[in-house]
Amino acid sequence: MYLKDYLANLTNTLNEYAELGVIAASELSTDFRSDKIGFLSGKITFIDGSTLSFKEYLDLRYRVDKKTYSFHYQDRDALLRFRYDNALHKPDPGFLEHKHVAGDIIPAAILDLRDVLEEIAQIYFAE
């Protein structure tokens, strides 16, 4: 997979959720180092004023390898609802990929933007 294809999938996902009326605005930045290595970042503002800031440093030479990533979701008052990332912590919690939620750090799978948007929509925008 090339970064342009990954970016197209990500853009399609953003457009789908915008059409559903969940996303009010979105920004996306790219810094491609090659056809298969690069940095993506963005910010999504939802209809309730909450935001999701995300970044991914990707190496797609052999598979989708997220060298670093963060999906930081907060409410309109800038209070953290959750964050997925693979940042190192001291003391070491014993796992790299994790989720910050309610003052705790728990193990979590590496997600993509679609997974995170689905979680937000199901938990915070379900009718």
Foldseek 3Di string as FASTA:
>chain_A
DWPVVVVVVVVVLVVVVVVVQFWPDKDKDWDAPDRFWTKIWMKTATPQQKMWTKMFTFGPPPHTDGPWMKTWIDGNVRHTAKMWIQDADPVGPPDRTWMDHPNDTDHDDDDDPNVVVVVCCVPPVDD
